[in-house]
Amino acid sequence: MERLLTIDDVAGLLQMPLGWVEQQIRMDYLEGVLLGFEWRIEPEALRRYVADRRTLTPLLEAVPDTEPL
């Protein structure tokens, strides 16, 4: 089994604040495991999270701009 990542680890890897990482977990965007009072993230869950975000950009660009009513 790969070493589980802490929120500090994930924040450092993504270069984002700790609170933002916690928010992503609470909103079920990033899969985390609560062990006691500490969140842990499996490396594969982080890989999926990043991959999912990469696929969102082309989808958003494909939406045509519309004129306001």
C-alpha atoms as a PDB file:
ATOM      1  CA  MET A   1       0.000   0.000   0.000  1.00  0.00           C
ATOM      2  CA  GLU A   2       1.212   3.477  -0.839  1.00  0.00           C
ATOM      3  CA  ARG A   3       1.764   5.933   1.978  1.00  0.00           C
ATOM      4  CA  LEU A   4      -1.343   7.992   2.727  1.00  0.00           C
ATOM      5  CA  LEU A   5      -0.969  11.743   2.292  1.00  0.00           C
ATOM      6  CA  THR A   6      -1.820  14.317   4.934  1.00  0.00           C
ATOM      7  CA  ILE A   7      -3.662  17.536   4.175  1.00  0.00           C
ATOM      8  CA  ASP A   8      -0.302  19.306   4.569  1.00  0.00           C
ATOM      9  CA  ASP A   9       1.195  16.982   1.934  1.00  0.00           C
ATOM     10  CA  VAL A  10      -1.636  17.629  -0.522  1.00  0.00           C
ATOM     11  CA  ALA A  11      -1.582  21.385   0.085  1.00  0.00           C
ATOM     12  CA  GLY A  12       2.147  21.412  -0.632  1.00  0.00           C
ATOM     13  CA  LEU A  13       1.839  19.309  -3.775  1.00  0.00           C
ATOM     14  CA  LEU A  14      -1.001  21.422  -5.173  1.00  0.00           C
ATOM     15  CA  GLN A  15       0.465  24.683  -3.843  1.00  0.00           C
ATOM     16  CA  MET A  16      -2.865  25.570  -2.250  1.00  0.00           C
ATOM     17  CA  PRO A  17      -3.846  26.595   1.315  1.00  0.00           C
ATOM     18  CA  LEU A  18      -4.752  23.955   3.899  1.00  0.00           C
ATOM     19  CA  GLY A  19      -8.282  25.302   4.248  1.00  0.00           C
ATOM     20  CA  TRP A  20      -8.873  24.924   0.526  1.00  0.00           C
ATOM     21  CA  VAL A  21      -7.822  21.258   0.628  1.00  0.00           C
ATOM     22  CA  GLU A  22     -10.122  20.620   3.597  1.00  0.00           C
ATOM     23  CA  GLN A  23     -12.962  22.304   1.711  1.00  0.00           C
ATOM     24  CA  GLN A  24     -12.405  20.086  -1.337  1.00  0.00           C
ATOM     25  CA  ILE A  25     -12.675  17.025   0.919  1.00  0.00           C
ATOM     26  CA  ARG A  26     -15.801  18.267   2.725  1.00  0.00           C
ATOM     27  CA  MET A  27     -17.482  19.048  -0.591  1.00  0.00           C
ATOM     28  CA  ASP A  28     -16.654  15.494  -1.792  1.00  0.00           C
ATOM     29  CA  TYR A  29     -14.518  16.748  -4.672  1.00  0.00           C
ATOM     30  CA  LEU A  30     -11.419  15.098  -3.215  1.00  0.00           C
ATOM     31  CA  GLU A  31     -11.808  11.679  -1.643  1.00  0.00           C
ATOM     32  CA  GLY A  32     -10.389  11.527   1.870  1.00  0.00           C
ATOM     33  CA  VAL A  33     -10.324   9.032   4.706  1.00  0.00           C
ATOM     34  CA  LEU A  34     -10.949  10.266   8.237  1.00  0.00           C
ATOM     35  CA  LEU A  35      -8.658   8.418  10.646  1.00  0.00           C
ATOM     36  CA  GLY A  36      -9.380   9.577  14.160  1.00  0.00           C
ATOM     37  CA  PHE A  37      -9.460  13.348  13.814  1.00  0.00           C
ATOM     38  CA  GLU A  38      -7.081  13.548  10.839  1.00  0.00           C
ATOM     39  CA  TRP A  39      -7.830  13.370   7.127  1.00  0.00           C
ATOM     40  CA  ARG A  40      -5.675  11.190   4.902  1.00  0.00           C
ATOM     41  CA  ILE A  41      -5.726  11.083   1.123  1.00  0.00           C
ATOM     42  CA  GLU A  42      -4.710   8.102  -0.969  1.00  0.00           C
ATOM     43  CA  PRO A  43      -2.247   9.096  -3.722  1.00  0.00           C
ATOM     44  CA  GLU A  44      -4.553   7.547  -6.342  1.00  0.00           C
ATOM     45  CA  ALA A  45      -7.453   9.713  -5.108  1.00  0.00           C
ATOM     46  CA  LEU A  46      -5.289  12.797  -5.597  1.00  0.00           C
ATOM     47  CA  ARG A  47      -4.322  11.618  -9.093  1.00  0.00           C
ATOM     48  CA  ARG A  48      -8.019  11.174  -9.978  1.00  0.00           C
ATOM     49  CA  TYR A  49      -8.854  14.596  -8.552  1.00  0.00           C
ATOM     50  CA  VAL A  50      -6.212  16.294 -10.709  1.00  0.00           C
ATOM     51  CA  ALA A  51      -7.189  14.295 -13.801  1.00  0.00           C
ATOM     52  CA  ASP A  52     -10.854  15.224 -13.314  1.00  0.00           C
ATOM     53  CA  ARG A  53      -9.956  18.908 -13.140  1.00  0.00           C
ATOM     54  CA  ARG A  54      -7.988  18.639 -16.398  1.00  0.00           C
ATOM     55  CA  THR A  55     -11.024  17.237 -18.206  1.00  0.00           C
ATOM     56  CA  LEU A  56     -13.285  20.065 -16.981  1.00  0.00           C
ATOM     57  CA  THR A  57     -11.397  22.779 -18.874  1.00  0.00           C
ATOM     58  CA  PRO A  58     -12.152  21.481 -22.409  1.00  0.00           C
ATOM     59  CA  LEU A  59     -15.791  20.984 -21.435  1.00  0.00           C
ATOM     60  CA  LEU A  60     -16.088  24.566 -20.220  1.00  0.00           C
ATOM     61  CA  GLU A  61     -14.412  25.889 -23.369  1.00  0.00           C
ATOM     62  CA  ALA A  62     -16.875  23.919 -25.527  1.00  0.00           C
ATOM     63  CA  VAL A  63     -19.869  25.782 -24.057  1.00  0.00           C
ATOM     64  CA  PRO A  64     -20.777  28.566 -26.488  1.00  0.00           C
ATOM     65  CA  ASP A  65     -21.037  32.116 -25.230  1.00  0.00           C
ATOM     66  CA  THR A  66     -24.600  33.362 -25.202  1.00  0.00           C
ATOM     67  CA  GLU A  67     -25.957  36.854 -25.209  1.00  0.00           C
ATOM     68  CA  PRO A  68     -27.842  37.922 -22.065  1.00  0.00           C
ATOM     69  CA  LEU A  69     -31.612  38.176 -22.449  1.00  0.00           C
END
